[in-house]
Full PDB file with SEQRES, HELIX, SHEET, SSBOND, CRYST1, ORIGX, SCALE, CONECT and MASTER records, all heavy atoms in Angstrom:
SEQRES   1 A   34  GLY ALA LEU VAL GLY SER LYS LEU LYS ILE PRO VAL ALA          
SEQRES   2 A   34  HIS VAL GLU ALA GLY ILE ARG GLN LYS PRO LYS ASP MET          
SEQRES   3 A   34  PRO GLU GLU ILE ASN ARG VAL LEU                              
HELIX    1 AA1 ALA A    2  LYS A    7  1                                   6    
HELIX    2 AA2 PRO A   27  VAL A   33  1                                   7    
CRYST1    1.000    1.000    1.000  90.00  90.00  90.00 P 1           1          
ORIGX1      1.000000  0.000000  0.000000        0.00000                         
ORIGX2      0.000000  1.000000  0.000000        0.00000                         
ORIGX3      0.000000  0.000000  1.000000        0.00000                         
SCALE1      1.000000  0.000000  0.000000        0.00000                         
SCALE2      0.000000  1.000000  0.000000        0.00000                         
SCALE3      0.000000  0.000000  1.000000        0.00000                         
ATOM      1  N   GLY A   1      -2.002  -7.704 -65.135  1.00  0.00           N  
ATOM      2  CA  GLY A   1      -1.108  -8.002 -64.019  1.00  0.00           C  
ATOM      3  C   GLY A   1      -0.938  -6.813 -63.097  1.00  0.00           C  
ATOM      4  O   GLY A   1      -0.931  -6.958 -61.866  1.00  0.00           O  
ATOM      5  N   ALA A   2      -0.812  -5.625 -63.696  1.00  0.00           N  
ATOM      6  CA  ALA A   2      -0.633  -4.405 -62.895  1.00  0.00           C  
ATOM      7  C   ALA A   2      -1.874  -4.107 -62.060  1.00  0.00           C  
ATOM      8  O   ALA A   2      -1.770  -3.706 -60.891  1.00  0.00           O  
ATOM      9  CB  ALA A   2      -0.315  -3.231 -63.817  1.00  0.00           C  
ATOM     10  N   LEU A   3      -3.044  -4.301 -62.636  1.00  0.00           N  
ATOM     11  CA  LEU A   3      -4.291  -4.032 -61.906  1.00  0.00           C  
ATOM     12  C   LEU A   3      -4.473  -5.016 -60.754  1.00  0.00           C  
ATOM     13  O   LEU A   3      -4.865  -4.624 -59.651  1.00  0.00           O  
ATOM     14  CB  LEU A   3      -5.488  -4.099 -62.860  1.00  0.00           C  
ATOM     15  CG  LEU A   3      -5.604  -2.956 -63.880  1.00  0.00           C  
ATOM     16  CD1 LEU A   3      -6.745  -3.216 -64.854  1.00  0.00           C  
ATOM     17  CD2 LEU A   3      -5.807  -1.614 -63.175  1.00  0.00           C  
ATOM     18  N   VAL A   4      -4.193  -6.288 -61.000  1.00  0.00           N  
ATOM     19  CA  VAL A   4      -4.314  -7.289 -59.937  1.00  0.00           C  
ATOM     20  C   VAL A   4      -3.370  -6.947 -58.780  1.00  0.00           C  
ATOM     21  O   VAL A   4      -3.761  -6.957 -57.606  1.00  0.00           O  
ATOM     22  CB  VAL A   4      -4.022  -8.709 -60.470  1.00  0.00           C  
ATOM     23  CG1 VAL A   4      -3.855  -9.706 -59.314  1.00  0.00           C  
ATOM     24  CG2 VAL A   4      -5.149  -9.170 -61.393  1.00  0.00           C  
ATOM     25  N   GLY A   5      -2.119  -6.633 -59.106  1.00  0.00           N  
ATOM     26  CA  GLY A   5      -1.146  -6.294 -58.079  1.00  0.00           C  
ATOM     27  C   GLY A   5      -1.574  -5.093 -57.253  1.00  0.00           C  
ATOM     28  O   GLY A   5      -1.538  -5.120 -56.017  1.00  0.00           O  
ATOM     29  N   SER A   6      -2.003  -4.035 -57.942  1.00  0.00           N  
ATOM     30  CA  SER A   6      -2.373  -2.809 -57.227  1.00  0.00           C  
ATOM     31  C   SER A   6      -3.607  -3.023 -56.350  1.00  0.00           C  
ATOM     32  O   SER A   6      -3.691  -2.504 -55.232  1.00  0.00           O  
ATOM     33  CB  SER A   6      -2.603  -1.660 -58.216  1.00  0.00           C  
ATOM     34  OG  SER A   6      -3.659  -1.953 -59.104  1.00  0.00           O  
ATOM     35  N   LYS A   7      -4.582  -3.818 -56.823  1.00  0.00           N  
ATOM     36  CA  LYS A   7      -5.793  -4.084 -56.032  1.00  0.00           C  
ATOM     37  C   LYS A   7      -5.484  -4.911 -54.786  1.00  0.00           C  
ATOM     38  O   LYS A   7      -6.123  -4.755 -53.744  1.00  0.00           O  
ATOM     39  CB  LYS A   7      -6.829  -4.829 -56.886  1.00  0.00           C  
ATOM     40  CG  LYS A   7      -7.383  -4.030 -58.060  1.00  0.00           C  
ATOM     41  CD  LYS A   7      -8.455  -3.061 -57.634  1.00  0.00           C  
ATOM     42  CE  LYS A   7      -9.103  -2.418 -58.865  1.00  0.00           C  
ATOM     43  NZ  LYS A   7     -10.147  -1.456 -58.471  1.00  0.00           N  
ATOM     44  N   LEU A   8      -4.476  -5.813 -54.925  1.00  0.00           N  
ATOM     45  CA  LEU A   8      -4.109  -6.669 -53.786  1.00  0.00           C  
ATOM     46  C   LEU A   8      -3.016  -6.030 -52.925  1.00  0.00           C  
ATOM     47  O   LEU A   8      -2.482  -6.662 -52.017  1.00  0.00           O  
ATOM     48  CB  LEU A   8      -3.650  -8.043 -54.283  1.00  0.00           C  
ATOM     49  CG  LEU A   8      -4.724  -8.917 -54.947  1.00  0.00           C  
ATOM     50  CD1 LEU A   8      -4.112 -10.200 -55.489  1.00  0.00           C  
ATOM     51  CD2 LEU A   8      -5.847  -9.237 -53.968  1.00  0.00           C  
ATOM     52  N   LYS A   9      -2.680  -4.776 -53.263  1.00  0.00           N  
ATOM     53  CA  LYS A   9      -1.656  -4.015 -52.515  1.00  0.00           C  
ATOM     54  C   LYS A   9      -0.287  -4.702 -52.527  1.00  0.00           C  
ATOM     55  O   LYS A   9       0.452  -4.685 -51.543  1.00  0.00           O  
ATOM     56  CB  LYS A   9      -2.121  -3.745 -51.081  1.00  0.00           C  
ATOM     57  CG  LYS A   9      -3.361  -2.843 -51.020  1.00  0.00           C  
ATOM     58  CD  LYS A   9      -3.761  -2.539 -49.590  1.00  0.00           C  
ATOM     59  CE  LYS A   9      -4.820  -1.434 -49.521  1.00  0.00           C  
ATOM     60  NZ  LYS A   9      -5.983  -1.630 -50.380  1.00  0.00           N  
ATOM     61  N   ILE A  10       0.020  -5.313 -53.681  1.00  0.00           N  
ATOM     62  CA  ILE A  10       1.354  -5.898 -53.889  1.00  0.00           C  
ATOM     63  C   ILE A  10       2.085  -4.984 -54.859  1.00  0.00           C  
ATOM     64  O   ILE A  10       1.540  -4.647 -55.927  1.00  0.00           O  
ATOM     65  CB  ILE A  10       1.254  -7.328 -54.448  1.00  0.00           C  
ATOM     66  CG1 ILE A  10       0.589  -8.236 -53.410  1.00  0.00           C  
ATOM     67  CG2 ILE A  10       2.640  -7.866 -54.827  1.00  0.00           C  
ATOM     68  CD1 ILE A  10       0.208  -9.591 -53.930  1.00  0.00           C  
ATOM     69  N   PRO A  11       3.305  -4.540 -54.541  1.00  0.00           N  
ATOM     70  CA  PRO A  11       4.023  -3.618 -55.428  1.00  0.00           C  
ATOM     71  C   PRO A  11       4.199  -4.202 -56.839  1.00  0.00           C  
ATOM     72  O   PRO A  11       4.477  -5.397 -56.994  1.00  0.00           O  
ATOM     73  CB  PRO A  11       5.382  -3.440 -54.746  1.00  0.00           C  
ATOM     74  CG  PRO A  11       5.165  -3.835 -53.333  1.00  0.00           C  
ATOM     75  CD  PRO A  11       4.076  -4.871 -53.338  1.00  0.00           C  
ATOM     76  N   VAL A  12       4.013  -3.346 -57.827  1.00  0.00           N  
ATOM     77  CA  VAL A  12       4.159  -3.737 -59.228  1.00  0.00           C  
ATOM     78  C   VAL A  12       5.402  -3.064 -59.810  1.00  0.00           C  
ATOM     79  O   VAL A  12       5.619  -1.864 -59.602  1.00  0.00           O  
ATOM     80  CB  VAL A  12       2.917  -3.326 -60.055  1.00  0.00           C  
ATOM     81  CG1 VAL A  12       3.120  -3.620 -61.540  1.00  0.00           C  
ATOM     82  CG2 VAL A  12       1.671  -4.037 -59.532  1.00  0.00           C  
ATOM     83  N   ALA A  13       6.218  -3.839 -60.510  1.00  0.00           N  
ATOM     84  CA  ALA A  13       7.380  -3.302 -61.223  1.00  0.00           C  
ATOM     85  C   ALA A  13       7.125  -3.429 -62.714  1.00  0.00           C  
ATOM     86  O   ALA A  13       6.716  -4.494 -63.192  1.00  0.00           O  
ATOM     87  CB  ALA A  13       8.642  -4.063 -60.831  1.00  0.00           C  
ATOM     88  N   HIS A  14       7.359  -2.336 -63.460  1.00  0.00           N  
ATOM     89  CA  HIS A  14       7.076  -2.317 -64.896  1.00  0.00           C  
ATOM     90  C   HIS A  14       8.368  -2.153 -65.689  1.00  0.00           C  
ATOM     91  O   HIS A  14       9.042  -1.122 -65.579  1.00  0.00           O  
ATOM     92  CB  HIS A  14       6.103  -1.169 -65.215  1.00  0.00           C  
ATOM     93  CG  HIS A  14       5.673  -1.130 -66.646  1.00  0.00           C  
ATOM     94  ND1 HIS A  14       5.181   0.020 -67.255  1.00  0.00           N  
ATOM     95  CD2 HIS A  14       5.662  -2.089 -67.613  1.00  0.00           C  
ATOM     96  CE1 HIS A  14       4.880  -0.247 -68.512  1.00  0.00           C  
ATOM     97  NE2 HIS A  14       5.168  -1.522 -68.754  1.00  0.00           N  
ATOM     98  N   VAL A  15       8.713  -3.177 -66.453  1.00  0.00           N  
ATOM     99  CA  VAL A  15       9.871  -3.106 -67.342  1.00  0.00           C  
ATOM    100  C   VAL A  15       9.419  -2.493 -68.669  1.00  0.00           C  
ATOM    101  O   VAL A  15       8.445  -2.954 -69.263  1.00  0.00           O  
ATOM    102  CB  VAL A  15      10.467  -4.512 -67.589  1.00  0.00           C  
ATOM    103  CG1 VAL A  15      11.546  -4.460 -68.666  1.00  0.00           C  
ATOM    104  CG2 VAL A  15      11.037  -5.084 -66.304  1.00  0.00           C  
ATOM    105  N   GLU A  16      10.123  -1.475 -69.120  1.00  0.00           N  
ATOM    106  CA  GLU A  16       9.805  -0.699 -70.328  1.00  0.00           C  
ATOM    107  C   GLU A  16       8.741   0.354 -70.008  1.00  0.00           C  
ATOM    108  O   GLU A  16       7.808   0.601 -70.778  1.00  0.00           O  
ATOM    109  CB  GLU A  16       9.348  -1.597 -71.480  1.00  0.00           C  
ATOM    110  CG  GLU A  16       9.658  -1.031 -72.859  1.00  0.00           C  
ATOM    111  CD  GLU A  16       9.368  -2.016 -73.977  1.00  0.00           C  
ATOM    112  OE1 GLU A  16       8.224  -2.068 -74.460  1.00  0.00           O  
ATOM    113  OE2 GLU A  16      10.308  -2.738 -74.362  1.00  0.00           O  
ATOM    114  N   ALA A  17       8.914   1.001 -68.880  1.00  0.00           N  
ATOM    115  CA  ALA A  17       7.995   2.061 -68.455  1.00  0.00           C  
ATOM    116  C   ALA A  17       8.313   3.373 -69.173  1.00  0.00           C  
ATOM    117  O   ALA A  17       9.435   3.594 -69.634  1.00  0.00           O  
ATOM    118  CB  ALA A  17       8.103   2.269 -66.949  1.00  0.00           C  
ATOM    119  N   GLY A  18       7.304   4.248 -69.260  1.00  0.00           N  
ATOM    120  CA  GLY A  18       7.515   5.608 -69.757  1.00  0.00           C  
ATOM    121  C   GLY A  18       7.461   5.789 -71.259  1.00  0.00           C  
ATOM    122  O   GLY A  18       7.633   6.903 -71.754  1.00  0.00           O  
ATOM    123  N   ILE A  19       7.199   4.724 -72.014  1.00  0.00           N  
ATOM    124  CA  ILE A  19       7.076   4.863 -73.472  1.00  0.00           C  
ATOM    125  C   ILE A  19       5.735   5.528 -73.775  1.00  0.00           C  
ATOM    126  O   ILE A  19       4.709   5.138 -73.221  1.00  0.00           O  
ATOM    127  CB  ILE A  19       7.133   3.477 -74.161  1.00  0.00           C  
ATOM    128  CG1 ILE A  19       8.402   2.723 -73.763  1.00  0.00           C  
ATOM    129  CG2 ILE A  19       7.052   3.625 -75.677  1.00  0.00           C  
ATOM    130  CD1 ILE A  19       9.670   3.439 -74.083  1.00  0.00           C  
ATOM    131  N   ARG A  20       5.744   6.511 -74.647  1.00  0.00           N  
ATOM    132  CA  ARG A  20       4.515   7.205 -75.020  1.00  0.00           C  
ATOM    133  C   ARG A  20       4.448   7.382 -76.526  1.00  0.00           C  
ATOM    134  O   ARG A  20       5.467   7.646 -77.176  1.00  0.00           O  
ATOM    135  CB  ARG A  20       4.428   8.573 -74.332  1.00  0.00           C  
ATOM    136  CG  ARG A  20       4.313   8.499 -72.818  1.00  0.00           C  
ATOM    137  CD  ARG A  20       3.007   7.875 -72.374  1.00  0.00           C  
ATOM    138  NE  ARG A  20       2.860   7.813 -70.928  1.00  0.00           N  
ATOM    139  CZ  ARG A  20       3.184   6.744 -70.184  1.00  0.00           C  
ATOM    140  NH1 ARG A  20       3.690   5.665 -70.750  1.00  0.00           N  
ATOM    141  NH2 ARG A  20       2.995   6.765 -68.870  1.00  0.00           N  
ATOM    142  N   GLN A  21       3.233   7.252 -77.072  1.00  0.00           N  
ATOM    143  CA  GLN A  21       3.061   7.296 -78.521  1.00  0.00           C  
ATOM    144  C   GLN A  21       1.642   7.730 -78.877  1.00  0.00           C  
ATOM    145  O   GLN A  21       0.690   7.365 -78.190  1.00  0.00           O  
ATOM    146  CB  GLN A  21       3.337   5.890 -79.096  1.00  0.00           C  
ATOM    147  CG  GLN A  21       3.239   5.784 -80.604  1.00  0.00           C  
ATOM    148  CD  GLN A  21       3.502   4.360 -81.082  1.00  0.00           C  
ATOM    149  OE1 GLN A  21       3.803   3.468 -80.301  1.00  0.00           O  
ATOM    150  NE2 GLN A  21       3.394   4.149 -82.377  1.00  0.00           N  
ATOM    151  N   LYS A  22       1.513   8.506 -79.919  1.00  0.00           N  
ATOM    152  CA  LYS A  22       0.196   8.846 -80.466  1.00  0.00           C  
ATOM    153  C   LYS A  22      -0.178   7.788 -81.506  1.00  0.00           C  
ATOM    154  O   LYS A  22       0.690   7.202 -82.129  1.00  0.00           O  
ATOM    155  CB  LYS A  22       0.243  10.230 -81.118  1.00  0.00           C  
ATOM    156  CG  LYS A  22       0.499  11.355 -80.122  1.00  0.00           C  
ATOM    157  CD  LYS A  22       0.640  12.681 -80.853  1.00  0.00           C  
ATOM    158  CE  LYS A  22       0.977  13.807 -79.854  1.00  0.00           C  
ATOM    159  NZ  LYS A  22       1.232  15.068 -80.536  1.00  0.00           N  
ATOM    160  N   PRO A  23      -1.502   7.556 -81.728  1.00  0.00           N  
ATOM    161  CA  PRO A  23      -2.640   8.189 -81.074  1.00  0.00           C  
ATOM    162  C   PRO A  23      -2.835   7.667 -79.653  1.00  0.00           C  
ATOM    163  O   PRO A  23      -2.531   6.519 -79.359  1.00  0.00           O  
ATOM    164  CB  PRO A  23      -3.818   7.810 -81.973  1.00  0.00           C  
ATOM    165  CG  PRO A  23      -3.414   6.520 -82.610  1.00  0.00           C  
ATOM    166  CD  PRO A  23      -1.925   6.614 -82.793  1.00  0.00           C  
ATOM    167  N   LYS A  24      -3.356   8.533 -78.783  1.00  0.00           N  
ATOM    168  CA  LYS A  24      -3.481   8.200 -77.372  1.00  0.00           C  
ATOM    169  C   LYS A  24      -4.556   7.147 -77.097  1.00  0.00           C  
ATOM    170  O   LYS A  24      -4.622   6.593 -76.010  1.00  0.00           O  
ATOM    171  CB  LYS A  24      -3.797   9.455 -76.546  1.00  0.00           C  
ATOM    172  CG  LYS A  24      -2.810  10.602 -76.720  1.00  0.00           C  
ATOM    173  CD  LYS A  24      -1.351  10.193 -76.595  1.00  0.00           C  
ATOM    174  CE  LYS A  24      -0.892  10.052 -75.176  1.00  0.00           C  
ATOM    175  NZ  LYS A  24       0.555   9.694 -75.087  1.00  0.00           N  
ATOM    176  N   ASP A  25      -5.412   6.881 -78.117  1.00  0.00           N  
ATOM    177  CA  ASP A  25      -6.477   5.903 -77.890  1.00  0.00           C  
ATOM    178  C   ASP A  25      -6.107   4.500 -78.377  1.00  0.00           C  
ATOM    179  O   ASP A  25      -6.935   3.592 -78.362  1.00  0.00           O  
ATOM    180  CB  ASP A  25      -7.782   6.361 -78.560  1.00  0.00           C  
ATOM    181  CG  ASP A  25      -7.657   6.501 -80.079  1.00  0.00           C  
ATOM    182  OD1 ASP A  25      -6.535   6.347 -80.613  1.00  0.00           O  
ATOM    183  OD2 ASP A  25      -8.687   6.759 -80.729  1.00  0.00           O  
ATOM    184  N   MET A  26      -4.863   4.302 -78.819  1.00  0.00           N  
ATOM    185  CA  MET A  26      -4.474   2.962 -79.255  1.00  0.00           C  
ATOM    186  C   MET A  26      -4.336   2.059 -78.024  1.00  0.00           C  
ATOM    187  O   MET A  26      -3.930   2.511 -76.953  1.00  0.00           O  
ATOM    188  CB  MET A  26      -3.182   2.992 -80.082  1.00  0.00           C  
ATOM    189  CG  MET A  26      -1.946   3.457 -79.353  1.00  0.00           C  
ATOM    190  SD  MET A  26      -0.542   3.754 -80.463  1.00  0.00           S  
ATOM    191  CE  MET A  26      -0.049   2.080 -80.820  1.00  0.00           C  
ATOM    192  N   PRO A  27      -4.722   0.779 -78.142  1.00  0.00           N  
ATOM    193  CA  PRO A  27      -4.735  -0.113 -76.975  1.00  0.00           C  
ATOM    194  C   PRO A  27      -3.401  -0.167 -76.227  1.00  0.00           C  
ATOM    195  O   PRO A  27      -3.384  -0.139 -74.988  1.00  0.00           O  
ATOM    196  CB  PRO A  27      -5.077  -1.482 -77.581  1.00  0.00           C  
ATOM    197  CG  PRO A  27      -5.806  -1.166 -78.843  1.00  0.00           C  
ATOM    198  CD  PRO A  27      -5.205   0.104 -79.360  1.00  0.00           C  
ATOM    199  N   GLU A  28      -2.291  -0.229 -76.966  1.00  0.00           N  
ATOM    200  CA  GLU A  28      -0.982  -0.323 -76.314  1.00  0.00           C  
ATOM    201  C   GLU A  28      -0.687   0.913 -75.471  1.00  0.00           C  
ATOM    202  O   GLU A  28      -0.106   0.816 -74.389  1.00  0.00           O  
ATOM    203  CB  GLU A  28       0.125  -0.509 -77.360  1.00  0.00           C  
ATOM    204  CG  GLU A  28       0.061  -1.795 -78.146  1.00  0.00           C  
ATOM    205  CD  GLU A  28      -0.860  -1.730 -79.356  1.00  0.00           C  
ATOM    206  OE1 GLU A  28      -1.556  -0.707 -79.547  1.00  0.00           O  
ATOM    207  OE2 GLU A  28      -0.890  -2.700 -80.121  1.00  0.00           O  
ATOM    208  N   GLU A  29      -1.077   2.083 -75.970  1.00  0.00           N  
ATOM    209  CA  GLU A  29      -0.825   3.329 -75.241  1.00  0.00           C  
ATOM    210  C   GLU A  29      -1.654   3.373 -73.956  1.00  0.00           C  
ATOM    211  O   GLU A  29      -1.161   3.779 -72.894  1.00  0.00           O  
ATOM    212  CB  GLU A  29      -1.149   4.533 -76.130  1.00  0.00           C  
ATOM    213  CG  GLU A  29      -0.872   5.883 -75.506  1.00  0.00           C  
ATOM    214  CD  GLU A  29       0.604   6.195 -75.317  1.00  0.00           C  
ATOM    215  OE1 GLU A  29       1.460   5.393 -75.747  1.00  0.00           O  
ATOM    216  OE2 GLU A  29       0.918   7.242 -74.722  1.00  0.00           O  
ATOM    217  N   ILE A  30      -2.899   2.946 -74.045  1.00  0.00           N  
ATOM    218  CA  ILE A  30      -3.761   2.895 -72.859  1.00  0.00           C  
ATOM    219  C   ILE A  30      -3.146   1.947 -71.820  1.00  0.00           C  
ATOM    220  O   ILE A  30      -3.059   2.269 -70.633  1.00  0.00           O  
ATOM    221  CB  ILE A  30      -5.183   2.430 -73.243  1.00  0.00           C  
ATOM    222  CG1 ILE A  30      -5.856   3.488 -74.140  1.00  0.00           C  
ATOM    223  CG2 ILE A  30      -6.032   2.153 -72.001  1.00  0.00           C  
ATOM    224  CD1 ILE A  30      -7.087   3.003 -74.865  1.00  0.00           C  
ATOM    225  N   ASN A  31      -2.684   0.785 -72.279  1.00  0.00           N  
ATOM    226  CA  ASN A  31      -2.078  -0.193 -71.363  1.00  0.00           C  
ATOM    227  C   ASN A  31      -0.825   0.376 -70.693  1.00  0.00           C  
ATOM    228  O   ASN A  31      -0.612   0.199 -69.492  1.00  0.00           O  
ATOM    229  CB  ASN A  31      -1.719  -1.475 -72.124  1.00  0.00           C  
ATOM    230  CG  ASN A  31      -2.945  -2.248 -72.591  1.00  0.00           C  
ATOM    231  OD1 ASN A  31      -4.044  -2.045 -72.092  1.00  0.00           O  
ATOM    232  ND2 ASN A  31      -2.759  -3.131 -73.556  1.00  0.00           N  
ATOM    233  N   ARG A  32       0.020   1.073 -71.474  1.00  0.00           N  
ATOM    234  CA  ARG A  32       1.256   1.650 -70.922  1.00  0.00           C  
ATOM    235  C   ARG A  32       0.947   2.680 -69.834  1.00  0.00           C  
ATOM    236  O   ARG A  32       1.528   2.645 -68.745  1.00  0.00           O  
ATOM    237  CB  ARG A  32       2.038   2.381 -72.023  1.00  0.00           C  
ATOM    238  CG  ARG A  32       2.680   1.533 -73.072  1.00  0.00           C  
ATOM    239  CD  ARG A  32       3.286   2.458 -74.132  1.00  0.00           C  
ATOM    240  NE  ARG A  32       3.643   1.717 -75.325  1.00  0.00           N  
ATOM    241  CZ  ARG A  32       3.392   2.110 -76.567  1.00  0.00           C  
ATOM    242  NH1 ARG A  32       2.782   3.258 -76.795  1.00  0.00           N  
ATOM    243  NH2 ARG A  32       3.764   1.375 -77.591  1.00  0.00           N  
ATOM    244  N   VAL A  33       0.082   3.606 -70.172  1.00  0.00           N  
ATOM    245  CA  VAL A  33      -0.201   4.727 -69.267  1.00  0.00           C  
ATOM    246  C   VAL A  33      -0.806   4.221 -67.960  1.00  0.00           C  
ATOM    247  O   VAL A  33      -0.364   4.601 -66.863  1.00  0.00           O  
ATOM    248  CB  VAL A  33      -1.136   5.760 -69.940  1.00  0.00           C  
ATOM    249  CG1 VAL A  33      -1.571   6.827 -68.937  1.00  0.00           C  
ATOM    250  CG2 VAL A  33      -0.439   6.410 -71.138  1.00  0.00           C  
ATOM    251  N   LEU A  34      -1.818   3.367 -68.055  1.00  0.00           N  
ATOM    252  CA  LEU A  34      -2.475   2.859 -66.849  1.00  0.00           C  
ATOM    253  C   LEU A  34      -1.516   2.030 -66.007  1.00  0.00           C  
ATOM    254  O   LEU A  34      -1.506   2.134 -64.770  1.00  0.00           O  
ATOM    255  CB  LEU A  34      -3.713   2.031 -67.227  1.00  0.00           C  
ATOM    256  CG  LEU A  34      -4.857   2.818 -67.888  1.00  0.00           C  
ATOM    257  CD1 LEU A  34      -5.990   1.884 -68.281  1.00  0.00           C  
ATOM    258  CD2 LEU A  34      -5.380   3.909 -66.965  1.00  0.00           C  
TER     259      LEU A  34                                                      
MASTER        0    0    0    2    0    0    0    6  258    1    0    3          
END                                                                             
């Protein structure tokens, strides 16, 4: 959803932003950061 919004130049709002966790290569962490 975030990628579609950003590509179409529609502002994206993220609820539960800023959560960070190791390991950095886990799918959820990649999704959060991007």
